């Protein structure tokens, strides 16, 4: 949901990958702790599904998650809840 267009319009943003999610969070299209967490969790699920053939071990999955969630955290360093969630995943 593009929150920059609220309340005048309801527009859903396609977020197919980490880069698009990062941009949506950084540009404030997605804002607020719950919305940021939902966007991050959903894009993680989408990207894990796309990468499943290349993630052969639990260690590879863990590295993939940590690396990409750390990347998402750089989109809005002040998003405390996102940072805390990433630390819990580690």
N, C-alpha and C. Protein backbone atom coordinates (compact mmCIF):
# COMPACT_ATOMS: atom_id res chain seq x y z
N UNK A 1 0.85 -1.18 0.00
CA UNK A 1 0.00 0.00 0.00
C UNK A 1 0.90 1.23 0.00
N UNK A 2 0.78 2.05 -1.01
CA UNK A 2 1.59 3.26 -1.08
C UNK A 2 1.01 4.29 -0.11
N UNK A 3 1.66 4.41 1.03
CA UNK A 3 1.13 5.28 2.08
C UNK A 3 1.29 6.77 1.76
N UNK A 4 2.11 7.10 0.78
CA UNK A 4 2.24 8.49 0.39
C UNK A 4 0.99 9.01 -0.31
N UNK A 5 0.19 8.11 -0.84
CA UNK A 5 -1.01 8.51 -1.58
C UNK A 5 -2.27 8.54 -0.72
N UNK A 6 -2.15 8.04 0.52
CA UNK A 6 -3.31 8.04 1.41
C UNK A 6 -3.60 9.44 1.90
N UNK A 7 -4.79 9.85 2.18
CA UNK A 7 -6.02 9.09 2.08
C UNK A 7 -6.72 9.23 0.73
N UNK A 8 -6.12 9.97 -0.18
CA UNK A 8 -6.77 10.24 -1.46
C UNK A 8 -6.90 9.06 -2.39
N UNK A 9 -5.93 8.16 -2.35
CA UNK A 9 -5.94 7.02 -3.25
C UNK A 9 -5.46 5.77 -2.53
N UNK A 10 -5.96 4.64 -2.99
CA UNK A 10 -5.50 3.35 -2.49
C UNK A 10 -4.79 2.66 -3.64
N UNK A 11 -3.45 2.62 -3.54
CA UNK A 11 -2.64 2.02 -4.60
C UNK A 11 -1.71 1.00 -3.94
N UNK A 12 -1.78 -0.22 -4.43
CA UNK A 12 -0.91 -1.27 -3.92
C UNK A 12 0.34 -1.36 -4.77
N UNK A 13 1.49 -1.38 -4.10
CA UNK A 13 2.77 -1.44 -4.80
C UNK A 13 3.22 -2.89 -4.97
N UNK A 14 3.65 -3.27 -6.14
CA UNK A 14 4.27 -4.59 -6.27
C UNK A 14 5.67 -4.52 -5.66
N UNK A 15 5.97 -5.46 -4.79
CA UNK A 15 7.29 -5.51 -4.16
C UNK A 15 7.84 -6.92 -4.35
N UNK A 16 8.44 -7.17 -5.51
CA UNK A 16 8.87 -8.53 -5.86
C UNK A 16 10.25 -8.93 -5.36
N UNK A 17 11.02 -7.95 -4.82
CA UNK A 17 12.39 -8.28 -4.43
C UNK A 17 12.90 -7.32 -3.35
N UNK A 18 14.08 -7.64 -2.82
CA UNK A 18 14.65 -6.85 -1.74
C UNK A 18 14.92 -5.40 -2.15
N UNK A 19 15.40 -5.20 -3.36
CA UNK A 19 15.73 -3.84 -3.80
C UNK A 19 14.47 -2.97 -3.86
N UNK A 20 13.40 -3.50 -4.38
CA UNK A 20 12.14 -2.75 -4.45
C UNK A 20 11.61 -2.45 -3.06
N UNK A 21 11.71 -3.43 -2.17
CA UNK A 21 11.26 -3.23 -0.78
C UNK A 21 12.11 -2.16 -0.11
N UNK A 22 13.43 -2.24 -0.28
CA UNK A 22 14.34 -1.26 0.30
C UNK A 22 13.95 0.15 -0.15
N UNK A 23 13.69 0.30 -1.43
CA UNK A 23 13.33 1.61 -1.98
C UNK A 23 11.99 2.09 -1.42
N UNK A 24 11.03 1.20 -1.32
CA UNK A 24 9.71 1.58 -0.78
C UNK A 24 9.80 2.04 0.67
N UNK A 25 10.65 1.38 1.45
CA UNK A 25 10.83 1.79 2.84
C UNK A 25 11.60 3.11 2.90
N UNK A 26 12.67 3.21 2.15
CA UNK A 26 13.51 4.41 2.14
C UNK A 26 12.72 5.64 1.69
N UNK A 27 11.90 5.49 0.66
CA UNK A 27 11.14 6.62 0.11
C UNK A 27 9.85 6.90 0.87
N UNK A 28 9.62 6.14 1.94
CA UNK A 28 8.46 6.31 2.83
C UNK A 28 7.14 5.91 2.18
N UNK A 29 7.20 5.13 1.09
CA UNK A 29 5.96 4.58 0.55
C UNK A 29 5.37 3.59 1.55
N UNK A 30 6.26 2.92 2.26
CA UNK A 30 5.88 2.01 3.35
C UNK A 30 6.45 2.62 4.61
N UNK A 31 5.59 2.91 5.57
CA UNK A 31 6.08 3.51 6.81
C UNK A 31 5.25 3.05 7.98
N UNK A 32 5.85 3.18 9.13
CA UNK A 32 5.22 2.70 10.35
C UNK A 32 5.73 1.29 10.65
N UNK A 33 6.02 1.04 11.90
CA UNK A 33 6.64 -0.22 12.29
C UNK A 33 5.89 -1.46 11.79
N UNK A 34 4.58 -1.54 11.96
CA UNK A 34 3.90 -2.74 11.48
C UNK A 34 3.99 -2.93 9.97
N UNK A 35 3.82 -1.86 9.21
CA UNK A 35 3.87 -1.97 7.75
C UNK A 35 5.28 -2.33 7.26
N UNK A 36 6.29 -1.75 7.88
CA UNK A 36 7.66 -2.06 7.51
C UNK A 36 7.96 -3.53 7.80
N UNK A 37 7.55 -4.00 8.96
CA UNK A 37 7.79 -5.40 9.32
C UNK A 37 7.07 -6.35 8.37
N UNK A 38 5.85 -6.03 8.02
CA UNK A 38 5.09 -6.88 7.09
C UNK A 38 5.76 -6.91 5.72
N UNK A 39 6.15 -5.74 5.22
CA UNK A 39 6.81 -5.68 3.91
C UNK A 39 8.11 -6.49 3.93
N UNK A 40 8.89 -6.34 4.98
CA UNK A 40 10.17 -7.07 5.07
C UNK A 40 9.93 -8.57 5.15
N UNK A 41 8.98 -8.99 5.96
CA UNK A 41 8.70 -10.42 6.11
C UNK A 41 8.18 -11.03 4.80
N UNK A 42 7.31 -10.32 4.13
CA UNK A 42 6.76 -10.85 2.88
C UNK A 42 7.82 -10.93 1.78
N UNK A 43 8.65 -9.90 1.66
CA UNK A 43 9.67 -9.96 0.62
C UNK A 43 10.71 -11.02 0.95
N UNK A 44 10.98 -11.24 2.23
CA UNK A 44 11.88 -12.32 2.61
C UNK A 44 11.31 -13.67 2.17
N UNK A 45 10.02 -13.88 2.40
CA UNK A 45 9.38 -15.14 1.98
C UNK A 45 9.44 -15.30 0.46
N UNK A 46 9.17 -14.24 -0.27
CA UNK A 46 9.20 -14.30 -1.74
C UNK A 46 10.62 -14.62 -2.22
N UNK A 47 11.61 -13.93 -1.67
CA UNK A 47 12.99 -14.14 -2.11
C UNK A 47 13.51 -15.51 -1.69
N UNK A 48 13.12 -16.00 -0.51
CA UNK A 48 13.52 -17.35 -0.11
C UNK A 48 12.95 -18.39 -1.07
N UNK A 49 11.71 -18.20 -1.48
CA UNK A 49 11.09 -19.13 -2.42
C UNK A 49 11.83 -19.12 -3.76
N UNK A 50 12.22 -17.93 -4.22
CA UNK A 50 12.94 -17.83 -5.49
C UNK A 50 14.33 -18.45 -5.40
N UNK A 51 14.94 -18.37 -4.22
CA UNK A 51 16.33 -18.84 -4.06
C UNK A 51 16.45 -20.26 -3.53
N UNK A 52 15.33 -20.92 -3.28
CA UNK A 52 15.38 -22.21 -2.59
C UNK A 52 16.24 -23.26 -3.30
N UNK A 53 16.33 -23.22 -4.59
CA UNK A 53 17.14 -24.20 -5.32
C UNK A 53 18.63 -24.00 -5.07
N UNK A 54 19.01 -22.80 -4.71
CA UNK A 54 20.44 -22.51 -4.51
C UNK A 54 20.84 -22.54 -3.03
N UNK A 55 19.88 -22.68 -2.15
CA UNK A 55 20.16 -22.70 -0.71
C UNK A 55 20.12 -24.13 -0.20
N UNK A 56 21.24 -24.81 -0.32
CA UNK A 56 21.29 -26.26 -0.09
C UNK A 56 21.44 -26.65 1.37
N UNK A 57 21.90 -25.73 2.21
CA UNK A 57 22.13 -26.09 3.61
C UNK A 57 21.46 -25.08 4.54
N UNK A 58 21.21 -25.48 5.78
CA UNK A 58 20.67 -24.51 6.75
C UNK A 58 21.57 -23.29 6.92
N UNK A 59 22.87 -23.50 6.83
CA UNK A 59 23.81 -22.40 6.94
C UNK A 59 23.65 -21.41 5.78
N UNK A 60 23.41 -21.93 4.59
CA UNK A 60 23.20 -21.07 3.42
C UNK A 60 21.92 -20.25 3.58
N UNK A 61 20.88 -20.88 4.10
CA UNK A 61 19.61 -20.18 4.34
C UNK A 61 19.83 -19.07 5.38
N UNK A 62 20.50 -19.40 6.47
CA UNK A 62 20.75 -18.42 7.52
C UNK A 62 21.55 -17.24 6.99
N UNK A 63 22.58 -17.52 6.21
CA UNK A 63 23.39 -16.44 5.64
C UNK A 63 22.57 -15.55 4.72
N UNK A 64 21.73 -16.18 3.90
CA UNK A 64 20.86 -15.45 2.98
C UNK A 64 19.93 -14.50 3.76
N UNK A 65 19.32 -15.03 4.80
CA UNK A 65 18.38 -14.24 5.61
C UNK A 65 19.11 -13.07 6.27
N UNK A 66 20.21 -13.35 6.93
CA UNK A 66 20.94 -12.30 7.65
C UNK A 66 21.44 -11.21 6.69
N UNK A 67 22.05 -11.62 5.61
CA UNK A 67 22.59 -10.66 4.64
C UNK A 67 21.50 -9.74 4.10
N UNK A 68 20.38 -10.32 3.72
CA UNK A 68 19.33 -9.51 3.10
C UNK A 68 18.52 -8.70 4.10
N UNK A 69 18.34 -9.21 5.30
CA UNK A 69 17.65 -8.41 6.31
C UNK A 69 18.54 -7.26 6.78
N UNK A 70 19.85 -7.49 6.88
CA UNK A 70 20.76 -6.39 7.19
C UNK A 70 20.66 -5.31 6.11
N UNK A 71 20.58 -5.74 4.87
CA UNK A 71 20.42 -4.79 3.76
C UNK A 71 19.13 -3.98 3.93
N UNK A 72 18.03 -4.64 4.23
CA UNK A 72 16.77 -3.92 4.41
C UNK A 72 16.86 -2.92 5.56
N UNK A 73 17.60 -3.26 6.60
CA UNK A 73 17.75 -2.33 7.74
C UNK A 73 18.41 -1.02 7.33
N UNK A 74 19.22 -1.05 6.30
CA UNK A 74 19.88 0.19 5.86
C UNK A 74 18.91 1.15 5.18
N UNK A 75 17.73 0.66 4.85
CA UNK A 75 16.75 1.53 4.18
C UNK A 75 16.23 2.62 5.12
N UNK A 76 16.12 2.29 6.37
CA UNK A 76 15.68 3.28 7.37
C UNK A 76 16.31 2.90 8.70
N UNK A 77 17.52 3.38 8.94
CA UNK A 77 18.25 3.01 10.16
C UNK A 77 17.51 3.35 11.46
N UNK A 78 16.58 4.28 11.39
CA UNK A 78 15.84 4.65 12.61
C UNK A 78 14.64 3.74 12.87
N UNK A 79 14.40 2.78 11.99
CA UNK A 79 13.28 1.85 12.17
C UNK A 79 13.69 0.80 13.22
N UNK A 80 13.52 1.16 14.47
CA UNK A 80 14.00 0.35 15.58
C UNK A 80 13.40 -1.05 15.57
N UNK A 81 12.13 -1.15 15.32
CA UNK A 81 11.48 -2.47 15.35
C UNK A 81 12.03 -3.40 14.27
N UNK A 82 12.34 -2.86 13.11
CA UNK A 82 12.92 -3.69 12.05
C UNK A 82 14.30 -4.18 12.48
N UNK A 83 15.09 -3.30 13.04
CA UNK A 83 16.41 -3.69 13.52
C UNK A 83 16.34 -4.74 14.60
N UNK A 84 15.40 -4.59 15.52
CA UNK A 84 15.25 -5.58 16.59
C UNK A 84 14.80 -6.92 16.04
N UNK A 85 13.91 -6.90 15.07
CA UNK A 85 13.44 -8.17 14.46
C UNK A 85 14.59 -8.87 13.75
N UNK A 86 15.42 -8.12 13.06
CA UNK A 86 16.57 -8.70 12.37
C UNK A 86 17.52 -9.32 13.38
N UNK A 87 17.76 -8.64 14.47
CA UNK A 87 18.65 -9.20 15.50
C UNK A 87 18.08 -10.49 16.09
N UNK A 88 16.77 -10.56 16.26
CA UNK A 88 16.15 -11.79 16.77
C UNK A 88 16.31 -12.93 15.78
N UNK A 89 16.25 -12.63 14.48
CA UNK A 89 16.44 -13.66 13.46
C UNK A 89 17.86 -14.22 13.45
N UNK A 90 18.81 -13.38 13.81
CA UNK A 90 20.21 -13.81 13.81
C UNK A 90 20.42 -14.80 14.93
